[in-house]
Amino acid sequence: MAKKMKACKRCNAITDENECPLCGSEVAKEWQGYLIVIEHEHSELARKMGISTNGKFALKVRE
């Protein structure tokens, strides 16, 4: 059975862990949208979202 993916409440990183592997913050089970960043240096959307690393991110995370 696949694990339910969660999203970090601070940086929006998507993970299956109970704590964010990027910033160590709390994660939420409720999130919407899915963004894969391959080259954050060249991504306008990543810049606008404050993303400074490559990876998988949620567009909206519920507190």
C-alpha atoms as a PDB file:
ATOM      1  CA  MET A   1       0.000   0.000   0.000  1.00  0.00           C
ATOM      2  CA  ALA A   2       1.342   3.432  -0.944  1.00  0.00           C
ATOM      3  CA  LYS A   3       2.032   5.964   1.776  1.00  0.00           C
ATOM      4  CA  LYS A   4      -0.112   9.099   1.917  1.00  0.00           C
ATOM      5  CA  MET A   5       1.956  12.070   0.824  1.00  0.00           C
ATOM      6  CA  LYS A   6       2.088  15.134   3.086  1.00  0.00           C
ATOM      7  CA  ALA A   7       3.242  18.706   2.531  1.00  0.00           C
ATOM      8  CA  CYS A   8       5.371  20.939   4.734  1.00  0.00           C
ATOM      9  CA  LYS A   9       3.489  23.822   6.327  1.00  0.00           C
ATOM     10  CA  ARG A  10       6.515  26.125   5.974  1.00  0.00           C
ATOM     11  CA  CYS A  11       8.234  25.357   2.644  1.00  0.00           C
ATOM     12  CA  ASN A  12       5.498  23.283   0.859  1.00  0.00           C
ATOM     13  CA  ALA A  13       7.867  20.362   0.153  1.00  0.00           C
ATOM     14  CA  ILE A  14       6.033  17.083  -0.434  1.00  0.00           C
ATOM     15  CA  THR A  15       7.135  14.077   1.610  1.00  0.00           C
ATOM     16  CA  ASP A  16       5.870  10.829   3.093  1.00  0.00           C
ATOM     17  CA  GLU A  17       7.716  11.544   6.359  1.00  0.00           C
ATOM     18  CA  ASN A  18       6.179  13.004   9.542  1.00  0.00           C
ATOM     19  CA  GLU A  19       8.631  15.916   9.459  1.00  0.00           C
ATOM     20  CA  CYS A  20       9.887  17.963   6.501  1.00  0.00           C
ATOM     21  CA  PRO A  21      13.260  16.669   5.238  1.00  0.00           C
ATOM     22  CA  LEU A  22      14.178  20.146   3.906  1.00  0.00           C
ATOM     23  CA  CYS A  23      13.407  22.462   6.823  1.00  0.00           C
ATOM     24  CA  GLY A  24      12.347  20.176   9.691  1.00  0.00           C
ATOM     25  CA  SER A  25       8.902  21.762  10.069  1.00  0.00           C
ATOM     26  CA  GLU A  26       5.533  20.162  10.707  1.00  0.00           C
ATOM     27  CA  VAL A  27       3.708  18.583   7.762  1.00  0.00           C
ATOM     28  CA  ALA A  28       0.020  18.590   6.819  1.00  0.00           C
ATOM     29  CA  LYS A  29      -2.067  15.825   5.275  1.00  0.00           C
ATOM     30  CA  GLU A  30      -4.292  18.324   3.443  1.00  0.00           C
ATOM     31  CA  TRP A  31      -2.719  20.030   0.427  1.00  0.00           C
ATOM     32  CA  GLN A  32      -3.555  20.893  -3.173  1.00  0.00           C
ATOM     33  CA  GLY A  33      -1.650  21.149  -6.453  1.00  0.00           C
ATOM     34  CA  TYR A  34       1.630  19.543  -7.401  1.00  0.00           C
ATOM     35  CA  LEU A  35       4.750  21.272  -8.678  1.00  0.00           C
ATOM     36  CA  ILE A  36       7.961  19.532  -9.692  1.00  0.00           C
ATOM     37  CA  VAL A  37      10.911  21.921  -9.814  1.00  0.00           C
ATOM     38  CA  ILE A  38      13.827  20.695 -11.918  1.00  0.00           C
ATOM     39  CA  GLU A  39      15.896  23.892 -12.237  1.00  0.00           C
ATOM     40  CA  HIS A  40      14.914  26.295  -9.456  1.00  0.00           C
ATOM     41  CA  GLU A  41      17.461  28.862 -10.651  1.00  0.00           C
ATOM     42  CA  HIS A  42      15.516  29.334 -13.907  1.00  0.00           C
ATOM     43  CA  SER A  43      11.950  28.919 -12.642  1.00  0.00           C
ATOM     44  CA  GLU A  44       9.834  32.044 -12.277  1.00  0.00           C
ATOM     45  CA  LEU A  45       7.191  30.119 -10.335  1.00  0.00           C
ATOM     46  CA  ALA A  46       9.788  28.709  -7.924  1.00  0.00           C
ATOM     47  CA  ARG A  47      11.124  32.219  -7.336  1.00  0.00           C
ATOM     48  CA  LYS A  48       7.628  33.573  -6.658  1.00  0.00           C
ATOM     49  CA  MET A  49       6.937  30.734  -4.211  1.00  0.00           C
ATOM     50  CA  GLY A  50      10.277  31.231  -2.441  1.00  0.00           C
ATOM     51  CA  ILE A  51      11.593  27.814  -3.488  1.00  0.00           C
ATOM     52  CA  SER A  52      15.391  27.639  -3.535  1.00  0.00           C
ATOM     53  CA  THR A  53      15.915  23.939  -4.220  1.00  0.00           C
ATOM     54  CA  ASN A  54      14.769  21.338  -6.723  1.00  0.00           C
ATOM     55  CA  GLY A  55      12.070  18.871  -5.709  1.00  0.00           C
ATOM     56  CA  LYS A  56       8.334  18.254  -5.349  1.00  0.00           C
ATOM     57  CA  PHE A  57       6.139  20.950  -3.818  1.00  0.00           C
ATOM     58  CA  ALA A  58       2.474  21.579  -3.027  1.00  0.00           C
ATOM     59  CA  LEU A  59       0.878  24.723  -4.401  1.00  0.00           C
ATOM     60  CA  LYS A  60      -1.393  25.136  -1.369  1.00  0.00           C
ATOM     61  CA  VAL A  61      -1.076  23.629   2.119  1.00  0.00           C
ATOM     62  CA  ARG A  62      -3.829  23.699   4.731  1.00  0.00           C
ATOM     63  CA  GLU A  63      -2.791  24.487   8.273  1.00  0.00           C
END
